[in-house]
Amino acid sequence: MSLRSCTAAAAALGFATIGLVGCAPSPDEKFAQEVMAGVRHSLKDPESARFEGLQAYSEARVACGKVNAKNSMGGYVGNEEFSYYLERPYLESTDIEAKVEGTKRCLLAEAQRAVVDLKSSNYPNKDELIKDREEQIEDLRISIGTSSSD
């Protein structure tokens, strides 16, 4: 059960805390919280951070998304893409090369997860899709400079 549905279940039952209904955040949800804390720490006004499109892959320890936060003048600057890997955030405005590297790692994690999901599905053309995703995975590994054993 997701954290959102756990919260709804707790509210429906009149419980003040999620723990009372036996729900726990998934590994991806826990990792997303860690990522948001790391990104906030790198901002001038951490409390103003608004996240959008956050994709967190706990098994690969990578995440990508957008954040909008206030600058030193107190105004929101607009959504800025970021990636998170090697246990730290990389924002587009401060380290574009590392941010691109993180985006590639997110794409790799997404493709790997898709292969796992496809293998356990009953999708009619799954073998063709798996082959396509595995080719994408190999291309991303070459681009990142990792091997299939990493």
N, C-alpha and C. Protein backbone atom coordinates (compact mmCIF):
# COMPACT_ATOMS: atom_id res chain seq x y z
N MET A 1 0.85 -1.18 0.00
CA MET A 1 0.00 0.00 0.00
C MET A 1 0.89 1.24 0.00
N SER A 2 0.57 2.23 -0.86
CA SER A 2 1.38 3.43 -0.93
C SER A 2 1.13 4.33 0.26
N LEU A 3 2.05 5.26 0.46
CA LEU A 3 1.92 6.20 1.57
C LEU A 3 0.65 7.03 1.42
N ARG A 4 0.32 7.41 0.19
CA ARG A 4 -0.89 8.21 -0.05
C ARG A 4 -2.13 7.42 0.34
N SER A 5 -2.21 6.15 -0.07
CA SER A 5 -3.39 5.37 0.28
C SER A 5 -3.41 5.05 1.77
N CYS A 6 -2.24 4.90 2.39
CA CYS A 6 -2.19 4.69 3.84
C CYS A 6 -2.73 5.90 4.57
N THR A 7 -2.34 7.09 4.10
CA THR A 7 -2.81 8.32 4.73
C THR A 7 -4.32 8.42 4.60
N ALA A 8 -4.85 8.08 3.41
CA ALA A 8 -6.30 8.12 3.20
C ALA A 8 -7.00 7.11 4.10
N ALA A 9 -6.41 5.93 4.23
CA ALA A 9 -7.00 4.90 5.09
C ALA A 9 -7.01 5.36 6.55
N ALA A 10 -5.92 5.96 6.97
CA ALA A 10 -5.84 6.45 8.35
C ALA A 10 -6.88 7.54 8.59
N ALA A 11 -7.03 8.44 7.63
CA ALA A 11 -8.01 9.53 7.77
C ALA A 11 -9.43 8.97 7.81
N ALA A 12 -9.69 8.00 6.94
CA ALA A 12 -11.03 7.41 6.88
C ALA A 12 -11.38 6.71 8.19
N LEU A 13 -10.39 6.13 8.82
CA LEU A 13 -10.63 5.42 10.08
C LEU A 13 -10.53 6.33 11.30
N GLY A 14 -10.14 7.59 11.06
CA GLY A 14 -10.05 8.53 12.16
C GLY A 14 -8.76 8.43 12.95
N PHE A 15 -7.73 7.80 12.38
CA PHE A 15 -6.46 7.69 13.09
C PHE A 15 -5.60 8.91 12.79
N ALA A 16 -4.86 9.33 13.79
CA ALA A 16 -4.01 10.49 13.62
C ALA A 16 -2.68 10.13 12.99
N THR A 17 -2.26 8.89 13.10
CA THR A 17 -0.97 8.51 12.55
C THR A 17 -1.12 7.34 11.60
N ILE A 18 -0.22 7.28 10.64
CA ILE A 18 -0.22 6.20 9.66
C ILE A 18 0.11 4.87 10.30
N GLY A 19 0.98 4.86 11.26
CA GLY A 19 1.42 3.63 11.89
C GLY A 19 0.29 2.82 12.50
N LEU A 20 -0.79 3.46 12.88
CA LEU A 20 -1.89 2.75 13.51
C LEU A 20 -2.65 1.84 12.56
N VAL A 21 -2.53 2.06 11.25
CA VAL A 21 -3.22 1.19 10.30
C VAL A 21 -2.25 0.22 9.64
N GLY A 22 -1.03 0.14 10.12
CA GLY A 22 -0.08 -0.85 9.65
C GLY A 22 0.56 -0.55 8.31
N CYS A 23 0.61 0.68 7.88
CA CYS A 23 1.21 1.04 6.60
C CYS A 23 2.62 1.58 6.81
N ALA A 24 3.47 1.25 5.91
CA ALA A 24 4.83 1.77 5.94
C ALA A 24 5.17 2.27 4.54
N PRO A 25 5.96 3.32 4.45
CA PRO A 25 6.34 3.81 3.12
C PRO A 25 7.19 2.76 2.38
N SER A 26 7.04 2.74 1.07
CA SER A 26 7.83 1.83 0.25
C SER A 26 9.28 2.30 0.25
N PRO A 27 10.21 1.44 -0.19
CA PRO A 27 11.61 1.88 -0.29
C PRO A 27 11.76 3.11 -1.20
N ASP A 28 10.99 3.17 -2.30
CA ASP A 28 11.07 4.33 -3.18
C ASP A 28 10.58 5.59 -2.48
N GLU A 29 9.51 5.48 -1.68
CA GLU A 29 8.99 6.64 -0.96
C GLU A 29 9.99 7.11 0.10
N LYS A 30 10.62 6.19 0.79
CA LYS A 30 11.65 6.56 1.76
C LYS A 30 12.81 7.26 1.07
N PHE A 31 13.24 6.69 -0.05
CA PHE A 31 14.36 7.27 -0.79
C PHE A 31 13.98 8.66 -1.32
N ALA A 32 12.74 8.83 -1.78
CA ALA A 32 12.29 10.13 -2.27
C ALA A 32 12.40 11.18 -1.17
N GLN A 33 12.05 10.82 0.06
CA GLN A 33 12.18 11.74 1.18
C GLN A 33 13.64 12.14 1.40
N GLU A 34 14.53 11.16 1.30
CA GLU A 34 15.97 11.41 1.44
C GLU A 34 16.46 12.35 0.33
N VAL A 35 16.00 12.11 -0.89
CA VAL A 35 16.38 12.95 -2.03
C VAL A 35 15.91 14.39 -1.82
N MET A 36 14.64 14.54 -1.43
CA MET A 36 14.12 15.90 -1.22
C MET A 36 14.88 16.63 -0.12
N ALA A 37 15.26 15.92 0.92
CA ALA A 37 16.06 16.54 1.99
C ALA A 37 17.42 16.98 1.46
N GLY A 38 18.03 16.14 0.64
CA GLY A 38 19.34 16.48 0.06
C GLY A 38 19.26 17.68 -0.87
N VAL A 39 18.21 17.72 -1.70
CA VAL A 39 18.04 18.86 -2.61
C VAL A 39 17.77 20.13 -1.80
N ARG A 40 16.88 20.03 -0.81
CA ARG A 40 16.59 21.21 0.03
C ARG A 40 17.86 21.77 0.65
N HIS A 41 18.72 20.88 1.12
CA HIS A 41 19.97 21.30 1.78
C HIS A 41 20.85 22.13 0.84
N SER A 42 20.72 21.92 -0.47
CA SER A 42 21.56 22.64 -1.43
C SER A 42 20.97 23.97 -1.87
N LEU A 43 19.79 24.32 -1.38
CA LEU A 43 19.10 25.53 -1.81
C LEU A 43 19.31 26.68 -0.83
N LYS A 44 19.16 27.92 -1.34
CA LYS A 44 19.28 29.11 -0.49
C LYS A 44 18.13 29.19 0.51
N ASP A 45 16.93 28.78 0.08
CA ASP A 45 15.76 28.81 0.94
C ASP A 45 15.12 27.42 0.93
N PRO A 46 15.65 26.50 1.74
CA PRO A 46 15.20 25.10 1.71
C PRO A 46 13.70 24.92 1.96
N GLU A 47 13.12 25.74 2.81
CA GLU A 47 11.71 25.58 3.15
C GLU A 47 10.77 25.94 2.01
N SER A 48 11.28 26.68 1.01
CA SER A 48 10.43 27.11 -0.09
C SER A 48 10.37 26.07 -1.22
N ALA A 49 11.11 24.99 -1.12
CA ALA A 49 11.21 24.00 -2.20
C ALA A 49 9.86 23.39 -2.54
N ARG A 50 9.56 23.37 -3.82
CA ARG A 50 8.37 22.71 -4.36
C ARG A 50 8.86 21.72 -5.42
N PHE A 51 8.54 20.46 -5.22
CA PHE A 51 9.02 19.41 -6.10
C PHE A 51 7.96 19.00 -7.11
N GLU A 52 8.43 18.62 -8.28
CA GLU A 52 7.54 18.18 -9.35
C GLU A 52 8.20 17.04 -10.11
N GLY A 53 7.41 16.04 -10.46
CA GLY A 53 7.89 14.96 -11.33
C GLY A 53 9.02 14.13 -10.75
N LEU A 54 9.07 14.00 -9.44
CA LEU A 54 10.17 13.26 -8.81
C LEU A 54 10.02 11.76 -9.09
N GLN A 55 11.05 11.18 -9.69
CA GLN A 55 11.12 9.74 -9.94
C GLN A 55 12.30 9.21 -9.13
N ALA A 56 12.02 8.39 -8.15
CA ALA A 56 13.07 7.86 -7.26
C ALA A 56 13.17 6.36 -7.44
N TYR A 57 14.39 5.87 -7.61
CA TYR A 57 14.66 4.46 -7.81
C TYR A 57 15.58 4.00 -6.67
N SER A 58 14.97 3.51 -5.62
CA SER A 58 15.73 3.17 -4.41
C SER A 58 16.75 2.08 -4.66
N GLU A 59 16.43 1.10 -5.50
CA GLU A 59 17.36 0.00 -5.74
C GLU A 59 18.64 0.46 -6.44
N ALA A 60 18.54 1.52 -7.24
CA ALA A 60 19.71 2.06 -7.95
C ALA A 60 20.30 3.29 -7.25
N ARG A 61 19.59 3.81 -6.23
CA ARG A 61 20.01 5.00 -5.50
C ARG A 61 20.17 6.20 -6.42
N VAL A 62 19.20 6.37 -7.34
CA VAL A 62 19.18 7.52 -8.24
C VAL A 62 17.78 8.11 -8.26
N ALA A 63 17.70 9.40 -8.56
CA ALA A 63 16.42 10.08 -8.67
C ALA A 63 16.57 11.27 -9.60
N CYS A 64 15.46 11.66 -10.22
CA CYS A 64 15.41 12.83 -11.08
C CYS A 64 14.10 13.56 -10.85
N GLY A 65 14.10 14.85 -11.10
CA GLY A 65 12.88 15.62 -10.96
C GLY A 65 13.14 17.08 -11.19
N LYS A 66 12.20 17.89 -10.74
CA LYS A 66 12.31 19.34 -10.85
C LYS A 66 12.02 19.94 -9.48
N VAL A 67 12.67 21.07 -9.21
CA VAL A 67 12.42 21.78 -7.97
C VAL A 67 12.31 23.27 -8.29
N ASN A 68 11.39 23.93 -7.61
CA ASN A 68 11.23 25.37 -7.71
C ASN A 68 11.41 25.90 -6.29
N ALA A 69 12.28 26.88 -6.14
CA ALA A 69 12.54 27.43 -4.81
C ALA A 69 12.85 28.92 -4.93
N LYS A 70 12.79 29.59 -3.80
CA LYS A 70 13.07 31.03 -3.78
C LYS A 70 14.57 31.28 -3.84
N ASN A 71 14.92 32.35 -4.52
CA ASN A 71 16.32 32.78 -4.56
C ASN A 71 16.59 33.76 -3.41
N SER A 72 17.77 34.34 -3.40
CA SER A 72 18.15 35.24 -2.31
C SER A 72 17.32 36.52 -2.29
N MET A 73 16.65 36.84 -3.40
CA MET A 73 15.78 38.03 -3.46
C MET A 73 14.37 37.71 -2.97
N GLY A 74 14.08 36.42 -2.70
CA GLY A 74 12.79 36.04 -2.17
C GLY A 74 11.75 35.63 -3.21
N GLY A 75 12.17 35.58 -4.48
CA GLY A 75 11.23 35.19 -5.54
C GLY A 75 11.50 33.78 -6.03
N TYR A 76 10.44 33.11 -6.45
CA TYR A 76 10.61 31.78 -7.04
C TYR A 76 11.28 31.92 -8.40
N VAL A 77 12.21 31.04 -8.69
CA VAL A 77 13.01 31.15 -9.91
C VAL A 77 12.49 30.28 -11.05
N GLY A 78 11.53 29.42 -10.79
CA GLY A 78 11.01 28.52 -11.81
C GLY A 78 11.61 27.13 -11.64
N ASN A 79 10.97 26.16 -12.24
CA ASN A 79 11.43 24.77 -12.10
C ASN A 79 12.83 24.58 -12.66
N GLU A 80 13.63 23.92 -11.86
CA GLU A 80 14.99 23.58 -12.26
C GLU A 80 15.14 22.06 -12.17
N GLU A 81 15.64 21.47 -13.24
CA GLU A 81 15.84 20.03 -13.22
C GLU A 81 17.01 19.68 -12.32
N PHE A 82 16.88 18.51 -11.68
CA PHE A 82 17.97 18.00 -10.86
C PHE A 82 18.05 16.49 -11.00
N SER A 83 19.18 15.97 -10.65
CA SER A 83 19.33 14.52 -10.51
C SER A 83 20.04 14.28 -9.18
N TYR A 84 19.91 13.07 -8.71
CA TYR A 84 20.49 12.71 -7.41
C TYR A 84 21.12 11.33 -7.57
N TYR A 85 22.41 11.28 -7.35
CA TYR A 85 23.13 10.01 -7.35
C TYR A 85 24.43 10.22 -6.60
N LEU A 86 25.08 9.13 -6.27
CA LEU A 86 26.29 9.19 -5.44
C LEU A 86 26.00 9.96 -4.14
N GLU A 87 24.75 9.79 -3.67
CA GLU A 87 24.30 10.35 -2.39
C GLU A 87 24.34 11.88 -2.32
N ARG A 88 24.18 12.55 -3.49
CA ARG A 88 24.09 14.01 -3.46
C ARG A 88 23.31 14.53 -4.65
N PRO A 89 22.72 15.72 -4.52
CA PRO A 89 21.95 16.31 -5.62
C PRO A 89 22.84 17.08 -6.59
N TYR A 90 22.43 17.10 -7.83
CA TYR A 90 23.11 17.88 -8.87
C TYR A 90 22.04 18.70 -9.58
N LEU A 91 22.12 20.03 -9.43
CA LEU A 91 21.15 20.91 -10.04
C LEU A 91 21.67 21.39 -11.39
N GLU A 92 20.73 21.61 -12.29
CA GLU A 92 21.05 22.04 -13.64
C GLU A 92 21.89 23.32 -13.64
N SER A 93 21.59 24.25 -12.74
CA SER A 93 22.28 25.54 -12.74
C SER A 93 23.69 25.48 -12.15
N THR A 94 23.99 24.46 -11.39
CA THR A 94 25.30 24.42 -10.73
C THR A 94 26.25 23.38 -11.32
N ASP A 95 25.71 22.31 -11.91
CA ASP A 95 26.59 21.27 -12.48
C ASP A 95 25.83 20.51 -13.55
N ILE A 96 25.76 21.10 -14.75
CA ILE A 96 24.96 20.52 -15.82
C ILE A 96 25.47 19.14 -16.23
N GLU A 97 26.79 18.95 -16.28
CA GLU A 97 27.32 17.65 -16.70
C GLU A 97 26.95 16.54 -15.72
N ALA A 98 27.06 16.82 -14.43
CA ALA A 98 26.69 15.82 -13.43
C ALA A 98 25.19 15.59 -13.43
N LYS A 99 24.41 16.64 -13.68
CA LYS A 99 22.96 16.50 -13.76
C LYS A 99 22.58 15.60 -14.93
N VAL A 100 23.23 15.77 -16.09
CA VAL A 100 22.97 14.92 -17.26
C VAL A 100 23.36 13.48 -16.95
N GLU A 101 24.49 13.30 -16.30
CA GLU A 101 24.91 11.95 -15.89
C GLU A 101 23.86 11.30 -15.00
N GLY A 102 23.32 12.05 -14.08
CA GLY A 102 22.28 11.53 -13.20
C GLY A 102 21.01 11.19 -13.96
N THR A 103 20.67 11.99 -14.96
CA THR A 103 19.49 11.72 -15.77
C THR A 103 19.67 10.41 -16.53
N LYS A 104 20.86 10.16 -17.05
CA LYS A 104 21.14 8.88 -17.72
C LYS A 104 20.98 7.72 -16.74
N ARG A 105 21.44 7.91 -15.52
CA ARG A 105 21.31 6.86 -14.51
C ARG A 105 19.83 6.61 -14.16
N CYS A 106 19.02 7.67 -14.15
CA CYS A 106 17.58 7.50 -13.93
C CYS A 106 16.95 6.71 -15.07
N LEU A 107 17.32 7.04 -16.29
CA LEU A 107 16.79 6.31 -17.44
C LEU A 107 17.18 4.84 -17.39
N LEU A 108 18.42 4.57 -16.96
CA LEU A 108 18.88 3.19 -16.82
C LEU A 108 18.05 2.46 -15.77
N ALA A 109 17.84 3.07 -14.62
CA ALA A 109 17.06 2.44 -13.55
C ALA A 109 15.62 2.20 -14.01
N GLU A 110 15.06 3.16 -14.73
CA GLU A 110 13.69 3.01 -15.23
C GLU A 110 13.60 1.84 -16.22
N ALA A 111 14.57 1.73 -17.12
CA ALA A 111 14.57 0.64 -18.10
C ALA A 111 14.75 -0.71 -17.41
N GLN A 112 15.62 -0.77 -16.42
CA GLN A 112 15.83 -2.02 -15.69
C GLN A 112 14.56 -2.45 -14.96
N ARG A 113 13.88 -1.49 -14.35
CA ARG A 113 12.64 -1.80 -13.65
C ARG A 113 11.57 -2.26 -14.65
N ALA A 114 11.54 -1.64 -15.82
CA ALA A 114 10.55 -2.03 -16.84
C ALA A 114 10.78 -3.48 -17.29
N VAL A 115 12.04 -3.89 -17.44
CA VAL A 115 12.33 -5.27 -17.83
C VAL A 115 11.83 -6.24 -16.76
N VAL A 116 12.09 -5.93 -15.51
CA VAL A 116 11.62 -6.79 -14.42
C VAL A 116 10.10 -6.89 -14.45
N ASP A 117 9.43 -5.75 -14.61
CA ASP A 117 7.97 -5.75 -14.66
C ASP A 117 7.43 -6.52 -15.86
N LEU A 118 8.07 -6.34 -17.03
CA LEU A 118 7.62 -7.03 -18.23
C LEU A 118 7.79 -8.55 -18.10
N LYS A 119 8.90 -8.96 -17.51
CA LYS A 119 9.15 -10.40 -17.37
C LYS A 119 8.08 -11.09 -16.53
N SER A 120 7.50 -10.36 -15.60
CA SER A 120 6.48 -10.97 -14.75
C SER A 120 5.06 -10.69 -15.24
N SER A 121 4.93 -10.05 -16.41
CA SER A 121 3.61 -9.70 -16.93
C SER A 121 3.11 -10.75 -17.93
N ASN A 122 1.88 -10.58 -18.32
CA ASN A 122 1.27 -11.42 -19.35
C ASN A 122 1.09 -10.64 -20.64
N TYR A 123 1.84 -9.58 -20.81
CA TYR A 123 1.70 -8.73 -21.99
C TYR A 123 2.02 -9.54 -23.24
N PRO A 124 1.19 -9.46 -24.28
CA PRO A 124 1.35 -10.34 -25.44
C PRO A 124 2.67 -10.18 -26.20
N ASN A 125 3.19 -8.98 -26.33
CA ASN A 125 4.43 -8.74 -27.07
C ASN A 125 5.61 -8.47 -26.15
N LYS A 126 5.58 -9.07 -24.97
CA LYS A 126 6.58 -8.72 -23.96
C LYS A 126 8.00 -9.08 -24.39
N ASP A 127 8.21 -10.16 -25.12
CA ASP A 127 9.57 -10.55 -25.51
C ASP A 127 10.22 -9.49 -26.38
N GLU A 128 9.46 -8.93 -27.29
CA GLU A 128 9.97 -7.87 -28.16
C GLU A 128 10.29 -6.61 -27.35
N LEU A 129 9.40 -6.27 -26.43
CA LEU A 129 9.62 -5.09 -25.59
C LEU A 129 10.82 -5.29 -24.66
N ILE A 130 10.96 -6.48 -24.13
CA ILE A 130 12.11 -6.78 -23.26
C ILE A 130 13.40 -6.62 -24.05
N LYS A 131 13.42 -7.15 -25.26
CA LYS A 131 14.62 -7.04 -26.11
C LYS A 131 14.97 -5.57 -26.36
N ASP A 132 13.93 -4.76 -26.68
CA ASP A 132 14.16 -3.32 -26.91
C ASP A 132 14.71 -2.64 -25.66
N ARG A 133 14.13 -2.94 -24.52
CA ARG A 133 14.60 -2.33 -23.26
C ARG A 133 16.01 -2.78 -22.92
N GLU A 134 16.32 -4.05 -23.16
CA GLU A 134 17.67 -4.53 -22.87
C GLU A 134 18.71 -3.87 -23.76
N GLU A 135 18.35 -3.57 -25.00
CA GLU A 135 19.25 -2.82 -25.89
C GLU A 135 19.44 -1.39 -25.37
N GLN A 136 18.35 -0.79 -24.91
CA GLN A 136 18.43 0.55 -24.33
C GLN A 136 19.33 0.53 -23.09
N ILE A 137 19.18 -0.49 -22.27
CA ILE A 137 20.00 -0.63 -21.06
C ILE A 137 21.47 -0.71 -21.43
N GLU A 138 21.80 -1.50 -22.43
CA GLU A 138 23.21 -1.64 -22.84
C GLU A 138 23.75 -0.32 -23.38
N ASP A 139 22.96 0.40 -24.18
CA ASP A 139 23.39 1.70 -24.69
C ASP A 139 23.63 2.69 -23.54
N LEU A 140 22.74 2.69 -22.56
CA LEU A 140 22.91 3.59 -21.41
C LEU A 140 24.14 3.21 -20.60
N ARG A 141 24.37 1.94 -20.42
CA ARG A 141 25.56 1.50 -19.67
C ARG A 141 26.83 1.96 -20.38
N ILE A 142 26.85 1.85 -21.69
CA ILE A 142 28.03 2.30 -22.45
C ILE A 142 28.20 3.81 -22.27
N SER A 143 27.09 4.56 -22.37
CA SER A 143 27.14 6.01 -22.22
C SER A 143 27.61 6.43 -20.83
N ILE A 144 27.19 5.70 -19.82
CA ILE A 144 27.57 6.02 -18.44
C ILE A 144 28.96 5.49 -18.11
N GLY A 145 29.34 4.42 -18.79
CA GLY A 145 30.65 3.82 -18.52
C GLY A 145 30.59 2.75 -17.45
N THR A 146 29.45 2.05 -17.37
CA THR A 146 29.32 0.96 -16.40
C THR A 146 29.14 -0.34 -17.17
N SER A 147 29.40 -1.45 -16.50
CA SER A 147 29.22 -2.76 -17.11
C SER A 147 27.96 -3.39 -16.55
N SER A 148 27.55 -4.51 -17.14
CA SER A 148 26.35 -5.18 -16.67
C SER A 148 26.52 -5.76 -15.29
N SER A 149 27.75 -5.86 -14.80
CA SER A 149 27.99 -6.40 -13.45
C SER A 149 27.93 -5.33 -12.38
N ASP A 150 27.86 -4.02 -12.78
CA ASP A 150 27.79 -2.92 -11.80
C ASP A 150 26.44 -2.86 -11.16
